[in-house]
Amino acid sequence: MLDAISSAHPLSSYAVQLIDYLLQQAISLQASDIHRDQLIRANAVLVRLKLLSNMDITEQRRPQDGYFNHSLGDSSIDIRASCLPGHWGEKVVLRLQHPEIKQRTIHQLGLDIQQSQCLINYLQQPQGLMLITGPTGSGKSVTLHSILMHLHQPHRNLVSAEDPVEMGLDGVHQTEVNLHIDLDFSHILRSMLRQDPDVIMLGEMRDSVSADVSIKAAQTGHLVLSSLHTRSVAETINRLQGLAVDLAGLSHCLDLVVNQRLLRCLCQQCCRPLDRQQLQAFDSDEIQQARHDYQQQFGPIAPAMAIGCQYCLQGYRGRSGIFSLLALDNHMRTAIRQRQLELLQAPINLRQQGLYKVLAGMTTMAELNRVIVN
């Protein structure tokens, strides 16, 4: 039916070609999202995207979500579509799940060597709670899926509850939230506990019930992974308390909090080192301190600038994470119980690691300031 519609009208044929072109460009530039607002011949483009995503093309008043797969040579890419009504018409956002991102290992996320080893060490524990935190679009899902890939062994029973299932993983039983049939995180989680799981991944702690069940599962012999839309460790503890979580119980099972963001990476085809005048302007007190603390976690010091070429978008290509890890010890567990949240400080904060990547020429100061304000 789709092919018949595409060939029946010149606008439909144009929409097919335009969408194919946009997807090819986005994939080649390693873009994570495509935003479609008011385009020329927008209706044909909108209908085409809705058809591809199995949305209702007659529905223009309600938000809709969908999914489709786009072939790229010998491989393919999974695409999530979200349609939102508005005063000037419907807006569609496409989220691209690049194959290489879906297959990232823990060592490819952007962690430094010490952080990678810290994370791997905690994953060797048979039980406990690990939280991945950060705002929407900070790469939490990719981190969680990389962890599940690392944990996958034939003898382990790995289960997940997700909304939606963004990346299909071999060896993991993934269940998708479906609110139309009253299947939410808390219902799935309770059922999972009857499946004798070794590792439970809960896509997000959204309510008091799912938070409570997760903590009890972590206390009773399960390794539980989850995420929260919070910007710091202190905000994470406050959010959990707002979900009626018992802080004393939380302090006993919470082992590791990972806070993260995503920075655009400099295009290695066109970036160039800073000249002498640019280095002088670059050398602030903050940079001098970062130089002093930097131990070449990401290579030699070689700050660079964005230029732009046919292989990138305004000098950037792809993204990498910056991370702050807080591994809880007895002192910190006491601080949680007593709500002394100012004592919960990670060895390296997000901006520090961002500065190290600026020094290494992986990104720019402008990009770091865009993501994290000093």
Protein backbone atom coordinates (compact mmCIF):
# COMPACT_ATOMS: atom_id res chain seq x y z
CA MET A 1 0.00 0.00 0.00
CA LEU A 2 2.87 2.34 0.81
CA ASP A 3 4.44 1.97 -2.62
CA ALA A 4 1.08 2.58 -4.30
CA ILE A 5 0.59 5.78 -2.33
CA SER A 6 4.12 6.91 -3.10
CA SER A 7 3.71 6.53 -6.85
CA ALA A 8 0.15 7.79 -7.09
CA HIS A 9 0.99 11.46 -6.60
CA PRO A 10 4.07 13.60 -7.40
CA LEU A 11 4.01 15.10 -3.88
CA SER A 12 4.19 11.62 -2.39
CA SER A 13 7.13 10.76 -4.65
CA TYR A 14 8.83 13.97 -3.55
CA ALA A 15 8.22 13.10 0.11
CA VAL A 16 9.76 9.64 -0.35
CA GLN A 17 12.88 11.11 -1.96
CA LEU A 18 13.17 13.90 0.60
CA ILE A 19 12.87 11.58 3.59
CA ASP A 20 15.38 9.13 2.09
CA TYR A 21 17.80 12.01 1.50
CA LEU A 22 17.39 13.41 5.03
CA LEU A 23 17.92 9.99 6.57
CA GLN A 24 21.01 9.33 4.47
CA GLN A 25 22.46 12.73 5.45
CA ALA A 26 21.64 12.25 9.14
CA ILE A 27 23.20 8.78 9.16
CA SER A 28 26.38 9.94 7.41
CA LEU A 29 26.73 12.83 9.92
CA GLN A 30 25.97 10.50 12.86
CA ALA A 31 23.08 12.75 13.91
CA SER A 32 21.01 11.51 16.82
CA ASP A 33 17.72 13.26 15.93
CA ILE A 34 15.87 14.83 13.02
CA HIS A 35 13.33 17.58 13.78
CA ARG A 36 10.67 18.31 11.16
CA ASP A 37 8.76 21.58 11.61
CA GLN A 38 7.05 23.51 8.82
CA LEU A 39 8.61 22.30 5.55
CA ILE A 40 7.61 22.98 1.98
CA ARG A 41 5.08 20.32 1.00
CA ALA A 42 5.04 19.40 4.69
CA ASN A 43 1.77 17.45 4.55
CA ALA A 44 3.15 14.86 2.16
CA VAL A 45 6.28 14.48 4.30
CA LEU A 46 4.17 14.14 7.44
CA VAL A 47 1.91 11.49 5.88
CA ARG A 48 4.91 9.54 4.64
CA LEU A 49 6.53 9.55 8.09
CA LYS A 50 3.28 8.51 9.75
CA LEU A 51 2.84 5.63 7.33
CA LEU A 52 6.42 4.47 7.86
CA SER A 53 5.93 4.62 11.64
CA ASN A 54 2.53 2.84 11.63
CA MET A 55 0.76 5.93 12.97
CA ASP A 56 -2.84 6.93 12.23
CA ILE A 57 -2.63 9.42 9.36
CA THR A 58 -6.17 10.67 10.10
CA GLU A 59 -5.33 11.59 13.71
CA GLN A 60 -4.05 15.18 14.02
CA ARG A 61 -5.13 16.09 17.56
CA ARG A 62 -3.31 13.55 19.72
CA PRO A 63 0.41 12.83 20.14
CA GLN A 64 1.54 9.60 18.53
CA ASP A 65 4.64 7.43 18.75
CA GLY A 66 5.91 4.96 16.20
CA TYR A 67 8.85 3.00 14.93
CA PHE A 68 10.39 1.93 11.63
CA ASN A 69 13.59 0.50 10.20
CA HIS A 70 15.65 2.11 7.45
CA SER A 71 18.01 0.08 5.27
CA LEU A 72 21.52 1.42 4.77
CA GLY A 73 23.63 -0.68 2.42
CA ASP A 74 24.13 -4.07 4.04
CA SER A 75 22.96 -2.83 7.46
CA SER A 76 19.90 -1.10 8.84
CA ILE A 77 19.06 1.56 11.42
CA ASP A 78 16.19 1.64 13.92
CA ILE A 79 14.23 4.89 14.06
CA ARG A 80 11.76 6.05 16.73
CA ALA A 81 9.20 8.64 15.62
CA SER A 82 7.25 11.04 17.81
CA CYS A 83 4.44 13.25 16.48
CA LEU A 84 3.17 16.23 18.50
CA PRO A 85 0.20 18.46 17.52
CA GLY A 86 0.66 22.23 17.75
CA HIS A 87 -0.88 25.56 16.80
CA TRP A 88 0.96 25.66 13.46
CA GLY A 89 0.58 21.97 12.71
CA GLU A 90 2.17 18.71 13.76
CA LYS A 91 5.85 18.36 14.57
CA VAL A 92 7.71 15.09 14.04
CA VAL A 93 10.98 14.16 15.71
CA LEU A 94 12.94 11.10 14.59
CA ARG A 95 15.47 9.50 16.95
CA LEU A 96 18.09 7.44 15.14
CA GLN A 97 19.57 4.38 16.84
CA HIS A 98 22.86 3.95 14.98
CA PRO A 99 24.10 0.32 14.84
CA GLU A 100 27.53 1.27 16.19
CA ILE A 101 25.92 3.07 19.15
CA LYS A 102 23.75 0.06 19.93
CA GLN A 103 26.90 -2.07 20.08
CA ARG A 104 29.03 0.23 22.24
CA THR A 105 30.93 -1.44 25.03
CA ILE A 106 31.52 0.14 28.42
CA HIS A 107 34.98 1.20 27.23
CA GLN A 108 33.48 3.08 24.26
CA LEU A 109 31.05 5.28 26.22
CA GLY A 110 33.57 8.03 27.06
CA LEU A 111 34.59 7.01 30.57
CA ASP A 112 38.22 7.35 31.57
CA ILE A 113 40.20 4.24 32.51
CA GLN A 114 39.61 4.58 36.27
CA GLN A 115 35.89 5.15 35.79
CA SER A 116 35.54 2.15 33.46
CA GLN A 117 37.30 -0.07 35.98
CA CYS A 118 35.16 1.27 38.83
CA LEU A 119 31.97 0.51 36.90
CA ILE A 120 33.13 -2.98 35.92
CA ASN A 121 34.12 -3.76 39.50
CA TYR A 122 30.65 -2.88 40.77
CA LEU A 123 29.04 -4.97 38.06
CA GLN A 124 30.76 -8.02 39.52
CA GLN A 125 28.62 -7.75 42.65
CA PRO A 126 25.69 -10.20 42.81
CA GLN A 127 23.26 -7.65 44.25
CA GLY A 128 22.76 -3.94 44.82
CA LEU A 129 21.38 -0.85 43.11
CA MET A 130 23.10 1.21 40.42
CA LEU A 131 21.53 4.44 39.12
CA ILE A 132 22.32 6.19 35.83
CA THR A 133 21.29 9.85 36.05
CA GLY A 134 21.12 12.87 33.78
CA PRO A 135 18.60 14.97 31.86
CA THR A 136 16.64 13.73 28.85
CA GLY A 137 18.92 13.03 25.90
CA SER A 138 22.08 12.56 27.97
CA GLY A 139 22.71 8.97 26.83
CA LYS A 140 21.38 7.07 29.85
CA SER A 141 19.70 4.37 27.74
CA VAL A 142 22.90 3.67 25.79
CA THR A 143 24.83 3.34 29.06
CA LEU A 144 22.25 0.96 30.52
CA HIS A 145 22.24 -1.21 27.40
CA SER A 146 26.06 -1.28 27.29
CA ILE A 147 26.02 -2.50 30.89
CA LEU A 148 23.51 -5.24 30.01
CA MET A 149 25.70 -6.33 27.10
CA HIS A 150 28.67 -6.52 29.47
CA LEU A 151 26.69 -8.60 31.97
CA HIS A 152 25.29 -11.04 29.41
CA GLN A 153 26.41 -14.59 30.14
CA PRO A 154 24.64 -17.90 29.34
CA HIS A 155 24.13 -18.62 33.05
CA ARG A 156 22.62 -15.19 33.86
CA ASN A 157 18.92 -14.37 33.67
CA LEU A 158 18.75 -10.74 32.49
CA VAL A 159 15.36 -8.98 32.29
CA SER A 160 14.36 -5.40 31.56
CA ALA A 161 11.28 -3.17 31.68
CA GLU A 162 11.46 -0.31 29.20
CA ASP A 163 9.33 2.49 27.75
CA PRO A 164 9.86 1.90 24.90
CA VAL A 165 12.29 -0.91 24.07
CA GLU A 166 14.75 1.22 22.11
CA MET A 167 17.43 -1.40 21.42
CA GLY A 168 16.83 -5.10 21.02
CA LEU A 169 19.48 -7.07 22.92
CA ASP A 170 20.30 -10.74 22.48
CA GLY A 171 20.16 -12.64 25.75
CA VAL A 172 17.94 -10.10 27.54
CA HIS A 173 14.20 -10.61 28.04
CA GLN A 174 12.87 -7.09 27.36
CA THR A 175 9.30 -6.11 28.26
CA GLU A 176 7.75 -2.88 27.02
CA VAL A 177 5.44 -0.68 29.07
CA ASN A 178 1.90 -0.56 27.65
CA LEU A 179 -0.36 1.84 29.52
CA HIS A 180 -3.32 0.96 27.26
CA ILE A 181 -3.57 -2.36 29.08
CA ASP A 182 -2.41 -1.00 32.45
CA LEU A 183 1.04 -2.56 32.07
CA ASP A 184 3.33 -0.08 33.81
CA PHE A 185 6.80 -0.36 35.33
CA SER A 186 5.55 -1.48 38.72
CA HIS A 187 3.38 -4.29 37.27
CA ILE A 188 6.21 -5.56 35.06
CA LEU A 189 8.70 -5.38 37.90
CA ARG A 190 6.54 -7.45 40.24
CA SER A 191 6.13 -10.11 37.56
CA MET A 192 9.86 -10.12 36.86
CA LEU A 193 10.62 -11.02 40.47
CA ARG A 194 8.71 -14.28 39.92
CA GLN A 195 11.02 -15.14 36.99
CA ASP A 196 14.10 -15.72 39.20
CA PRO A 197 16.17 -12.93 37.58
CA ASP A 198 19.84 -12.27 38.30
CA VAL A 199 19.86 -8.78 36.80
CA ILE A 200 16.91 -6.40 36.52
CA MET A 201 17.01 -3.27 34.39
CA LEU A 202 14.21 -0.79 35.00
CA GLY A 203 14.26 1.88 32.29
CA GLU A 204 13.26 4.64 34.70
CA MET A 205 12.08 5.02 38.29
CA ARG A 206 8.86 6.97 37.77
CA ASP A 207 6.72 6.38 40.83
CA SER A 208 6.88 5.33 44.45
CA VAL A 209 5.77 1.76 43.74
CA SER A 210 8.47 1.01 41.15
CA ALA A 211 11.10 2.71 43.31
CA ASP A 212 10.08 0.72 46.39
CA VAL A 213 10.01 -2.62 44.55
CA SER A 214 13.40 -1.86 42.94
CA ILE A 215 15.05 -1.17 46.28
CA LYS A 216 13.56 -4.29 47.85
CA ALA A 217 14.79 -6.34 44.88
CA ALA A 218 18.30 -4.88 45.33
CA GLN A 219 18.17 -5.84 49.01
CA THR A 220 17.12 -9.42 48.34
CA GLY A 221 19.79 -10.78 46.02
CA HIS A 222 19.27 -9.00 42.69
CA LEU A 223 21.48 -6.58 40.79
CA VAL A 224 19.15 -3.71 39.83
CA LEU A 225 19.95 -1.06 37.22
CA SER A 226 17.77 1.98 36.65
CA SER A 227 17.79 5.65 35.64
CA LEU A 228 16.50 8.96 36.91
CA HIS A 229 16.09 12.30 35.16
CA THR A 230 18.21 14.17 37.69
CA ARG A 231 21.21 16.47 37.26
CA SER A 232 23.28 15.64 40.35
CA VAL A 233 23.67 13.09 43.15
CA ALA A 234 21.98 15.41 45.65
CA GLU A 235 19.03 15.89 43.28
CA THR A 236 18.85 12.11 42.84
CA ILE A 237 18.50 11.52 46.59
CA ASN A 238 15.91 14.31 46.85
CA ARG A 239 13.91 12.82 43.97
CA LEU A 240 13.92 9.38 45.59
CA GLN A 241 12.80 10.84 48.89
CA GLY A 242 10.02 12.58 46.98
CA LEU A 243 8.98 9.12 45.76
CA ALA A 244 8.56 8.12 49.42
CA VAL A 245 11.72 6.00 49.42
CA ASP A 246 13.09 5.13 52.86
CA LEU A 247 16.56 6.72 52.90
CA ALA A 248 17.83 4.24 55.48
CA GLY A 249 16.90 1.33 53.20
CA LEU A 250 18.31 3.17 50.17
CA SER A 251 21.63 3.76 51.90
CA HIS A 252 22.12 0.02 52.44
CA CYS A 253 21.59 -1.06 48.81
CA LEU A 254 22.69 1.93 46.66
CA ASP A 255 26.23 1.19 45.45
CA LEU A 256 26.96 3.49 42.53
CA VAL A 257 25.50 6.67 41.01
CA VAL A 258 26.58 7.61 37.49
CA ASN A 259 25.81 11.14 36.30
CA GLN A 260 26.36 11.87 32.63
CA ARG A 261 25.96 14.26 29.69
CA LEU A 262 26.73 14.11 25.96
CA LEU A 263 29.18 16.40 24.16
CA ARG A 264 29.53 16.75 20.41
CA CYS A 265 32.93 15.53 19.21
CA LEU A 266 35.20 17.51 16.93
CA CYS A 267 35.35 16.22 13.37
CA GLN A 268 38.78 14.67 12.98
CA GLN A 269 38.72 15.36 9.23
CA CYS A 270 38.77 19.14 9.55
CA CYS A 271 39.55 20.26 13.12
CA ARG A 272 42.81 22.14 13.57
CA PRO A 273 44.99 23.05 16.56
CA LEU A 274 44.56 26.44 18.21
CA ASP A 275 47.11 29.02 17.08
CA ARG A 276 49.24 31.03 19.52
CA GLN A 277 46.75 33.88 19.86
CA GLN A 278 43.84 31.48 20.40
CA LEU A 279 45.84 29.54 23.02
CA GLN A 280 46.48 32.76 24.95
CA ALA A 281 42.75 33.55 24.99
CA PHE A 282 42.00 29.93 25.86
CA ASP A 283 44.34 29.80 28.86
CA SER A 284 41.99 30.84 31.70
CA ASP A 285 42.42 30.07 35.41
CA GLU A 286 40.02 27.16 34.98
CA ILE A 287 42.05 25.73 32.11
CA GLN A 288 45.30 26.13 34.04
CA GLN A 289 43.85 24.16 36.94
CA ALA A 290 42.61 21.49 34.54
CA ARG A 291 46.10 21.29 32.98
CA HIS A 292 47.57 20.79 36.45
CA ASP A 293 45.12 17.99 37.33
CA TYR A 294 45.05 16.34 33.91
CA GLN A 295 46.84 12.99 33.79
CA GLN A 296 46.38 12.43 30.06
CA GLN A 297 43.33 10.23 30.60
CA PHE A 298 42.29 11.02 27.03
CA GLY A 299 45.71 11.52 25.42
CA PRO A 300 48.21 14.39 25.11
CA ILE A 301 47.17 18.03 25.45
CA ALA A 302 46.23 19.32 21.99
CA PRO A 303 43.22 21.71 22.11
CA ALA A 304 41.58 22.22 18.74
CA MET A 305 38.85 24.22 17.06
CA ALA A 306 35.82 23.37 14.93
CA ILE A 307 36.07 24.20 11.21
CA GLY A 308 33.44 22.34 9.19
CA CYS A 309 33.64 20.13 6.11
CA GLN A 310 31.59 17.75 3.98
CA TYR A 311 31.97 14.99 6.56
CA CYS A 312 30.52 16.87 9.53
CA LEU A 313 28.03 19.45 10.74
CA GLN A 314 29.65 22.78 11.63
CA GLY A 315 32.85 21.06 12.69
CA TYR A 316 31.31 18.33 14.85
CA ARG A 317 30.67 14.66 14.14
CA GLY A 318 29.21 12.19 16.63
CA ARG A 319 28.94 12.52 20.40
CA SER A 320 30.72 11.16 23.46
CA GLY A 321 29.74 11.03 27.11
CA ILE A 322 31.26 12.83 30.06
CA PHE A 323 30.75 11.12 33.39
CA SER A 324 30.86 11.62 37.12
CA LEU A 325 30.85 8.44 39.23
CA LEU A 326 30.07 8.29 42.93
CA ALA A 327 30.87 4.93 44.53
CA LEU A 328 29.27 4.86 47.95
CA ASP A 329 31.28 3.97 51.05
CA ASN A 330 30.13 3.72 54.67
CA HIS A 331 30.73 7.44 55.23
CA MET A 332 28.48 8.34 52.29
CA ARG A 333 25.80 5.87 53.34
CA THR A 334 25.66 7.62 56.71
CA ALA A 335 25.44 10.97 54.91
CA ILE A 336 22.38 9.74 52.97
CA ARG A 337 20.62 8.57 56.14
CA GLN A 338 21.30 11.91 57.80
CA ARG A 339 20.53 13.90 54.62
CA GLN A 340 23.97 15.50 54.59
CA LEU A 341 23.89 15.58 50.81
CA GLU A 342 26.69 18.15 50.50
CA LEU A 343 29.08 15.33 51.50
CA LEU A 344 28.19 13.32 48.39
CA GLN A 345 30.91 14.56 46.07
CA ALA A 346 32.38 12.51 43.23
CA PRO A 347 36.18 12.51 42.70
CA ILE A 348 35.73 14.10 39.26
CA ASN A 349 32.70 16.21 38.36
CA LEU A 350 31.21 16.53 34.90
CA ARG A 351 32.81 19.86 34.05
CA GLN A 352 36.24 18.61 35.10
CA GLN A 353 36.03 15.66 32.76
CA GLY A 354 34.67 17.93 30.04
CA LEU A 355 37.71 20.19 30.46
CA TYR A 356 40.01 17.19 30.10
CA LYS A 357 38.34 16.32 26.79
CA VAL A 358 38.71 19.95 25.65
CA LEU A 359 42.43 19.79 26.49
CA ALA A 360 42.74 16.54 24.53
CA GLY A 361 41.17 18.13 21.44
CA MET A 362 38.11 15.87 21.53
CA THR A 363 35.65 18.78 21.82
CA THR A 364 35.66 22.54 22.32
CA MET A 365 35.16 24.97 25.18
CA ALA A 366 32.10 26.37 23.39
CA GLU A 367 30.51 22.91 23.31
CA LEU A 368 31.29 22.27 26.97
CA ASN A 369 29.79 25.63 27.96
CA ARG A 370 26.70 24.81 25.88
CA VAL A 371 26.10 21.62 27.85
CA ILE A 372 27.42 22.54 31.32
CA VAL A 373 27.50 26.09 32.61
CA ASN A 374 30.47 26.90 34.80
